[in-house]
Protein backbone atom coordinates (compact mmCIF):
# COMPACT_ATOMS: atom_id res chain seq x y z
CA UNK A 1 64.05 79.51 -87.58
CA UNK A 2 63.69 81.58 -90.61
CA UNK A 3 59.58 82.54 -90.97
CA UNK A 4 59.70 85.36 -93.63
CA UNK A 5 58.47 83.79 -97.09
CA UNK A 6 58.05 80.28 -95.47
CA UNK A 7 54.55 79.88 -96.33
CA UNK A 8 56.39 79.42 -100.14
CA UNK A 9 58.02 76.69 -99.29
CA UNK A 10 54.63 74.41 -97.30
CA UNK A 11 53.68 71.43 -98.98
CA UNK A 12 50.85 71.62 -101.43
CA UNK A 13 48.57 70.05 -98.80
CA UNK A 14 49.18 72.40 -95.97
CA UNK A 15 48.66 75.42 -99.05
CA UNK A 16 45.36 74.04 -99.73
CA UNK A 17 44.42 73.59 -96.02
CA UNK A 18 45.69 76.68 -95.19
CA UNK A 19 43.60 78.60 -98.22
CA UNK A 20 40.50 76.63 -97.27
CA UNK A 21 40.93 77.54 -93.79
CA UNK A 22 41.37 81.31 -95.09
CA UNK A 23 38.14 81.35 -97.68
CA UNK A 24 35.63 79.92 -94.77
CA UNK A 25 37.00 81.48 -92.35
CA UNK A 26 36.48 85.19 -94.75
CA UNK A 27 32.54 84.22 -95.35
CA UNK A 28 32.06 83.68 -91.49
CA UNK A 29 34.24 87.23 -90.79
CA UNK A 30 32.15 89.06 -93.38
CA UNK A 31 28.65 87.64 -92.88
CA UNK A 32 29.47 88.83 -89.70
CA UNK A 33 29.78 92.28 -90.96
CA UNK A 34 26.57 91.84 -92.69
CA UNK A 35 24.73 91.40 -89.57
CA UNK A 36 26.34 94.14 -87.98
CA UNK A 37 24.76 96.56 -91.23
CA UNK A 38 21.41 94.44 -90.77
CA UNK A 39 21.22 95.67 -87.10
CA UNK A 40 22.80 98.46 -86.26
CA UNK A 41 23.12 100.40 -89.46
CA UNK A 42 26.79 100.90 -89.22
CA UNK A 43 27.04 104.34 -88.12
CA UNK A 44 27.38 105.68 -84.32
CA UNK A 45 23.89 106.71 -83.89
CA UNK A 46 22.91 103.01 -85.48
CA UNK A 47 25.60 101.53 -82.90
CA UNK A 48 24.36 103.38 -79.94
CA UNK A 49 20.63 102.56 -80.87
CA UNK A 50 21.74 99.37 -80.85
CA UNK A 51 22.81 98.65 -77.51
CA UNK A 52 20.79 101.67 -75.47
CA UNK A 53 17.24 101.28 -77.14
CA UNK A 54 15.55 103.86 -78.98
CA UNK A 55 12.21 103.67 -76.81
CA UNK A 56 12.15 107.50 -76.54
CA UNK A 57 12.02 108.05 -80.24
CA UNK A 58 8.88 107.81 -81.42
CA UNK A 59 9.42 108.23 -85.04
CA UNK A 60 11.59 104.98 -84.39
CA UNK A 61 10.19 102.24 -87.52
CA UNK A 62 11.51 99.38 -85.34
CA UNK A 63 11.43 99.25 -81.30
CA UNK A 64 15.03 98.53 -79.76
CA UNK A 65 15.35 97.74 -75.92
CA UNK A 66 18.35 98.67 -73.85
CA UNK A 67 20.21 95.12 -73.65
CA UNK A 68 20.48 93.56 -70.45
CA UNK A 69 23.88 93.30 -68.17
CA UNK A 70 23.87 89.74 -69.04
CA UNK A 71 23.10 90.13 -72.64
CA UNK A 72 26.64 92.45 -72.90
CA UNK A 73 28.58 90.43 -70.90
CA UNK A 74 27.99 87.58 -72.97
CA UNK A 75 28.25 89.35 -76.49
CA UNK A 76 31.56 90.94 -75.59
CA UNK A 77 33.20 87.78 -73.94
CA UNK A 78 31.84 85.65 -76.93
CA UNK A 79 33.32 87.92 -79.47
CA UNK A 80 36.51 88.52 -77.45
CA UNK A 81 37.61 84.80 -77.09
CA UNK A 82 36.25 83.93 -80.44
CA UNK A 83 38.00 86.84 -82.16
CA UNK A 84 41.16 86.34 -80.28
CA UNK A 85 41.23 83.08 -81.86
CA UNK A 86 40.83 84.11 -85.10
CA UNK A 87 43.15 86.84 -85.13
CA UNK A 88 45.74 84.48 -83.38
CA UNK A 89 45.65 82.01 -86.66
CA UNK A 90 45.72 84.64 -89.22
CA UNK A 91 48.41 85.83 -87.66
CA UNK A 92 50.21 82.67 -87.66
CA UNK A 93 49.93 81.91 -90.96
CA UNK A 94 50.83 85.94 -92.25
CA UNK A 95 54.40 85.38 -89.75
CA UNK A 96 55.09 83.00 -92.26
CA UNK A 97 54.82 85.54 -95.58
CA UNK A 98 57.18 88.02 -96.57
CA UNK A 99 56.30 91.13 -95.95
CA UNK A 100 58.28 94.03 -94.38
CA UNK A 101 59.20 93.49 -90.74
CA UNK A 102 57.37 96.58 -89.47
CA UNK A 103 54.16 96.35 -91.98
CA UNK A 104 54.14 92.16 -90.53
CA UNK A 105 53.51 93.56 -86.93
CA UNK A 106 51.58 95.76 -87.37
CA UNK A 107 49.26 93.24 -89.13
CA UNK A 108 49.80 90.56 -86.69
CA UNK A 109 49.24 93.03 -83.29
CA UNK A 110 46.55 95.77 -84.66
CA UNK A 111 43.51 93.21 -84.53
CA UNK A 112 43.87 92.63 -81.21
CA UNK A 113 43.93 96.36 -80.16
CA UNK A 114 41.23 96.80 -82.14
CA UNK A 115 39.07 93.49 -80.46
CA UNK A 116 39.36 95.33 -77.46
CA UNK A 117 38.84 98.54 -78.17
CA UNK A 118 35.63 97.60 -80.38
CA UNK A 119 34.13 94.98 -78.11
CA UNK A 120 34.98 96.66 -74.60
CA UNK A 121 33.86 100.11 -76.29
CA UNK A 122 30.49 98.23 -76.60
CA UNK A 123 30.12 97.79 -73.56
CA UNK A 124 31.67 100.85 -72.21
CA UNK A 125 29.26 102.95 -74.06
CA UNK A 126 26.31 100.21 -72.91
CA UNK A 127 27.38 101.64 -68.96
CA UNK A 128 27.01 104.87 -70.73
CA UNK A 129 29.61 106.20 -72.29
CA UNK A 130 28.18 107.64 -74.97
CA UNK A 131 31.30 108.75 -77.23
CA UNK A 132 32.84 105.72 -77.38
CA UNK A 133 30.47 104.78 -80.07
CA UNK A 134 32.79 107.01 -82.16
CA UNK A 135 35.95 104.24 -80.85
CA UNK A 136 34.05 101.00 -81.82
CA UNK A 137 33.05 102.09 -85.15
CA UNK A 138 36.76 103.32 -85.88
CA UNK A 139 38.19 100.65 -84.12
CA UNK A 140 35.81 97.97 -85.94
CA UNK A 141 36.64 100.17 -89.92
CA UNK A 142 40.13 99.64 -88.74
CA UNK A 143 40.23 95.77 -87.19
CA UNK A 144 38.51 94.44 -90.69
CA UNK A 145 40.81 96.88 -93.01
CA UNK A 146 43.68 94.52 -90.83
CA UNK A 147 41.90 91.44 -91.18
CA UNK A 148 41.26 92.01 -95.72
CA UNK A 149 44.66 92.96 -96.06
CA UNK A 150 46.01 90.12 -93.70
CA UNK A 151 43.41 87.84 -95.81
CA UNK A 152 44.92 89.32 -99.60
CA UNK A 153 48.56 89.18 -98.53
CA UNK A 154 48.08 85.31 -97.29
CA UNK A 155 45.75 84.21 -100.49
CA UNK A 156 48.25 86.07 -102.82
CA UNK A 157 51.58 84.11 -101.71
CA UNK A 158 49.83 81.04 -100.59
CA UNK A 159 49.20 79.76 -104.28
CA UNK A 160 52.30 82.27 -105.75
CA UNK A 161 55.41 80.03 -107.40
CA UNK A 162 58.57 79.55 -105.78
CA UNK A 163 60.13 81.25 -108.88
CA UNK A 164 58.64 84.42 -108.07
CA UNK A 165 59.08 85.15 -105.18
CA UNK A 166 62.42 87.15 -105.50
């Protein structure tokens, strides 16, 4: 079965379903990023403070305490499961787009690596490997960039007319 470019031949109803799904999924994804920005200031120090607390910092405006092991396991478990489903579905849709094979493969596989590095990295940071905050930040940025690129590619190709695909 030829998947490359299949998105152009899908029936209108299926294209609308995929379009609606990708839009709603994107709203949820970017709302999550807003939450990260609000809770950890989206920098390495903020990430460390969010999970390890800031009780020793007398100048802290908001007191934060180290997360419990139960909180960390719940966070890692929930995010790895939900984001693997998200990226599986986006990858399935992306596989039907017309793209260079290596780029498509990168956009399909990379988010799974970033999910493990980001949320596994948070657990390792919490466990005491303080340098993991940099891995968490870099992998989180890369995950966001690949999600954004995938959604843009899907959006453009989803509603492009068949005559423009050549």
